[in-house]
């Protein structure tokens, strides 16, 4: 059995959170679908990145979710950007997770 790394744990947490948000968005009425994502400062700041390419925007979404869940102090850790990249790669490697992340990013961009 392969050991589970911190990046794998973070990816799992992120997948679960994104899947839960997608379920809530689908369950919401069409007029309320935009309320499925949190209004945290990090996630709300993503609106300023509307002109960013899709992959960089999805990466910013992951970074914002991780910062919101683990605290702003993680951004000062030199390995944090590596973790963000590993989580993005893990999600992009899983079709279901990639779909959920793409839907969440699209929802944020359309706000």
C-alpha atoms as a PDB file:
ATOM      1  CA  UNK A   1       0.000   0.000   0.000  1.00  0.00           C
ATOM      2  CA  UNK A   2       1.324   3.411  -0.997  1.00  0.00           C
ATOM      3  CA  UNK A   3       1.606   6.038   1.772  1.00  0.00           C
ATOM      4  CA  UNK A   4      -0.776   8.985   1.520  1.00  0.00           C
ATOM      5  CA  UNK A   5       1.024  12.304   1.146  1.00  0.00           C
ATOM      6  CA  UNK A   6      -0.163  15.677   2.428  1.00  0.00           C
ATOM      7  CA  UNK A   7      -0.894  16.708  -1.158  1.00  0.00           C
ATOM      8  CA  UNK A   8      -3.128  13.641  -1.557  1.00  0.00           C
ATOM      9  CA  UNK A   9      -4.980  14.533   1.646  1.00  0.00           C
ATOM     10  CA  UNK A  10      -5.466  18.126   0.518  1.00  0.00           C
ATOM     11  CA  UNK A  11      -6.643  16.966  -2.898  1.00  0.00           C
ATOM     12  CA  UNK A  12      -9.167  14.660  -1.237  1.00  0.00           C
ATOM     13  CA  UNK A  13     -10.477  17.451   1.000  1.00  0.00           C
ATOM     14  CA  UNK A  14     -10.722  19.793  -1.971  1.00  0.00           C
ATOM     15  CA  UNK A  15     -12.510  17.190  -4.094  1.00  0.00           C
ATOM     16  CA  UNK A  16     -15.021  16.588  -1.303  1.00  0.00           C
ATOM     17  CA  UNK A  17     -15.665  20.300  -0.851  1.00  0.00           C
ATOM     18  CA  UNK A  18     -16.026  20.914  -4.586  1.00  0.00           C
ATOM     19  CA  UNK A  19     -18.334  17.917  -4.963  1.00  0.00           C
ATOM     20  CA  UNK A  20     -20.482  19.142  -2.069  1.00  0.00           C
ATOM     21  CA  UNK A  21     -20.695  22.615  -3.589  1.00  0.00           C
ATOM     22  CA  UNK A  22     -21.659  21.112  -6.950  1.00  0.00           C
ATOM     23  CA  UNK A  23     -24.408  19.059  -5.275  1.00  0.00           C
ATOM     24  CA  UNK A  24     -25.735  22.167  -3.546  1.00  0.00           C
ATOM     25  CA  UNK A  25     -25.609  24.124  -6.797  1.00  0.00           C
ATOM     26  CA  UNK A  26     -27.588  21.432  -8.617  1.00  0.00           C
ATOM     27  CA  UNK A  27     -30.121  21.274  -5.785  1.00  0.00           C
ATOM     28  CA  UNK A  28     -30.592  25.042  -5.722  1.00  0.00           C
ATOM     29  CA  UNK A  29     -33.168  26.693  -7.898  1.00  0.00           C
ATOM     30  CA  UNK A  30     -31.738  28.223 -11.092  1.00  0.00           C
ATOM     31  CA  UNK A  31     -31.919  31.755  -9.678  1.00  0.00           C
ATOM     32  CA  UNK A  32     -30.004  30.771  -6.551  1.00  0.00           C
ATOM     33  CA  UNK A  33     -27.212  28.676  -8.089  1.00  0.00           C
ATOM     34  CA  UNK A  34     -24.701  31.487  -7.556  1.00  0.00           C
ATOM     35  CA  UNK A  35     -25.085  31.184  -3.799  1.00  0.00           C
ATOM     36  CA  UNK A  36     -23.587  27.686  -3.623  1.00  0.00           C
ATOM     37  CA  UNK A  37     -20.013  28.989  -3.300  1.00  0.00           C
ATOM     38  CA  UNK A  38     -18.838  30.778  -0.164  1.00  0.00           C
ATOM     39  CA  UNK A  39     -18.417  34.533  -0.035  1.00  0.00           C
ATOM     40  CA  UNK A  40     -14.984  34.427   1.601  1.00  0.00           C
ATOM     41  CA  UNK A  41     -12.486  37.169   0.906  1.00  0.00           C
ATOM     42  CA  UNK A  42     -10.142  34.858  -1.034  1.00  0.00           C
ATOM     43  CA  UNK A  43     -12.839  33.377  -3.218  1.00  0.00           C
ATOM     44  CA  UNK A  44     -14.539  36.753  -3.748  1.00  0.00           C
ATOM     45  CA  UNK A  45     -11.209  38.225  -4.884  1.00  0.00           C
ATOM     46  CA  UNK A  46     -11.236  35.814  -7.838  1.00  0.00           C
ATOM     47  CA  UNK A  47     -13.598  38.153  -9.658  1.00  0.00           C
ATOM     48  CA  UNK A  48     -10.584  40.384 -10.315  1.00  0.00           C
ATOM     49  CA  UNK A  49      -8.972  37.538 -12.286  1.00  0.00           C
ATOM     50  CA  UNK A  50     -11.729  37.288 -14.897  1.00  0.00           C
ATOM     51  CA  UNK A  51      -9.283  37.817 -17.781  1.00  0.00           C
ATOM     52  CA  UNK A  52      -6.917  35.040 -16.665  1.00  0.00           C
ATOM     53  CA  UNK A  53      -6.631  31.881 -18.791  1.00  0.00           C
ATOM     54  CA  UNK A  54      -8.735  28.910 -17.670  1.00  0.00           C
ATOM     55  CA  UNK A  55      -5.966  26.830 -16.074  1.00  0.00           C
ATOM     56  CA  UNK A  56      -4.557  29.765 -14.112  1.00  0.00           C
ATOM     57  CA  UNK A  57      -8.051  30.669 -12.974  1.00  0.00           C
ATOM     58  CA  UNK A  58      -8.732  27.108 -11.776  1.00  0.00           C
ATOM     59  CA  UNK A  59      -5.375  27.212  -9.976  1.00  0.00           C
ATOM     60  CA  UNK A  60      -6.405  30.475  -8.291  1.00  0.00           C
ATOM     61  CA  UNK A  61      -9.694  28.866  -7.216  1.00  0.00           C
ATOM     62  CA  UNK A  62      -7.803  25.968  -5.628  1.00  0.00           C
ATOM     63  CA  UNK A  63      -5.402  28.343  -3.906  1.00  0.00           C
ATOM     64  CA  UNK A  64      -8.311  30.415  -2.560  1.00  0.00           C
ATOM     65  CA  UNK A  65     -10.106  27.328  -1.219  1.00  0.00           C
ATOM     66  CA  UNK A  66      -6.927  26.064   0.455  1.00  0.00           C
ATOM     67  CA  UNK A  67      -6.188  29.466   2.001  1.00  0.00           C
ATOM     68  CA  UNK A  68      -9.772  29.757   3.249  1.00  0.00           C
ATOM     69  CA  UNK A  69      -9.603  26.311   4.825  1.00  0.00           C
ATOM     70  CA  UNK A  70      -6.070  26.321   6.207  1.00  0.00           C
ATOM     71  CA  UNK A  71      -5.559  30.015   6.972  1.00  0.00           C
ATOM     72  CA  UNK A  72      -3.742  32.890   5.311  1.00  0.00           C
ATOM     73  CA  UNK A  73      -0.483  31.947   7.020  1.00  0.00           C
ATOM     74  CA  UNK A  74      -0.044  28.985   4.636  1.00  0.00           C
ATOM     75  CA  UNK A  75       0.648  31.451   1.840  1.00  0.00           C
ATOM     76  CA  UNK A  76       3.943  32.317   3.558  1.00  0.00           C
ATOM     77  CA  UNK A  77       5.117  28.714   3.444  1.00  0.00           C
ATOM     78  CA  UNK A  78       7.518  28.283   0.497  1.00  0.00           C
ATOM     79  CA  UNK A  79       6.081  24.892  -0.347  1.00  0.00           C
ATOM     80  CA  UNK A  80       2.482  26.139  -0.503  1.00  0.00           C
ATOM     81  CA  UNK A  81       2.618  26.948  -4.229  1.00  0.00           C
ATOM     82  CA  UNK A  82       3.948  23.433  -4.872  1.00  0.00           C
ATOM     83  CA  UNK A  83       1.019  21.992  -2.940  1.00  0.00           C
ATOM     84  CA  UNK A  84      -1.411  24.127  -4.952  1.00  0.00           C
ATOM     85  CA  UNK A  85       0.153  22.865  -8.183  1.00  0.00           C
ATOM     86  CA  UNK A  86       0.045  19.238  -6.970  1.00  0.00           C
ATOM     87  CA  UNK A  87      -3.610  19.552  -6.004  1.00  0.00           C
ATOM     88  CA  UNK A  88      -4.439  21.101  -9.389  1.00  0.00           C
ATOM     89  CA  UNK A  89      -2.588  18.296 -11.187  1.00  0.00           C
ATOM     90  CA  UNK A  90      -4.385  15.661  -9.129  1.00  0.00           C
ATOM     91  CA  UNK A  91      -7.766  17.201  -9.861  1.00  0.00           C
ATOM     92  CA  UNK A  92      -6.994  17.598 -13.561  1.00  0.00           C
ATOM     93  CA  UNK A  93      -6.071  13.909 -13.611  1.00  0.00           C
ATOM     94  CA  UNK A  94      -9.510  12.883 -12.343  1.00  0.00           C
ATOM     95  CA  UNK A  95     -12.331  13.461 -14.831  1.00  0.00           C
ATOM     96  CA  UNK A  96     -15.082  13.924 -12.220  1.00  0.00           C
ATOM     97  CA  UNK A  97     -12.995  16.264 -10.076  1.00  0.00           C
ATOM     98  CA  UNK A  98     -11.928  18.250 -13.136  1.00  0.00           C
ATOM     99  CA  UNK A  99     -15.573  18.669 -14.148  1.00  0.00           C
ATOM    100  CA  UNK A 100     -16.563  19.875 -10.682  1.00  0.00           C
ATOM    101  CA  UNK A 101     -13.652  22.331 -10.542  1.00  0.00           C
ATOM    102  CA  UNK A 102     -14.425  23.627 -14.030  1.00  0.00           C
ATOM    103  CA  UNK A 103     -18.084  24.166 -13.089  1.00  0.00           C
ATOM    104  CA  UNK A 104     -17.112  25.969  -9.873  1.00  0.00           C
ATOM    105  CA  UNK A 105     -14.618  28.177 -11.712  1.00  0.00           C
ATOM    106  CA  UNK A 106     -17.200  28.959 -14.407  1.00  0.00           C
ATOM    107  CA  UNK A 107     -19.756  29.875 -11.741  1.00  0.00           C
ATOM    108  CA  UNK A 108     -17.298  32.204 -10.053  1.00  0.00           C
ATOM    109  CA  UNK A 109     -16.351  33.854 -13.349  1.00  0.00           C
ATOM    110  CA  UNK A 110     -19.971  34.474 -14.260  1.00  0.00           C
ATOM    111  CA  UNK A 111     -20.629  36.428 -11.065  1.00  0.00           C
END
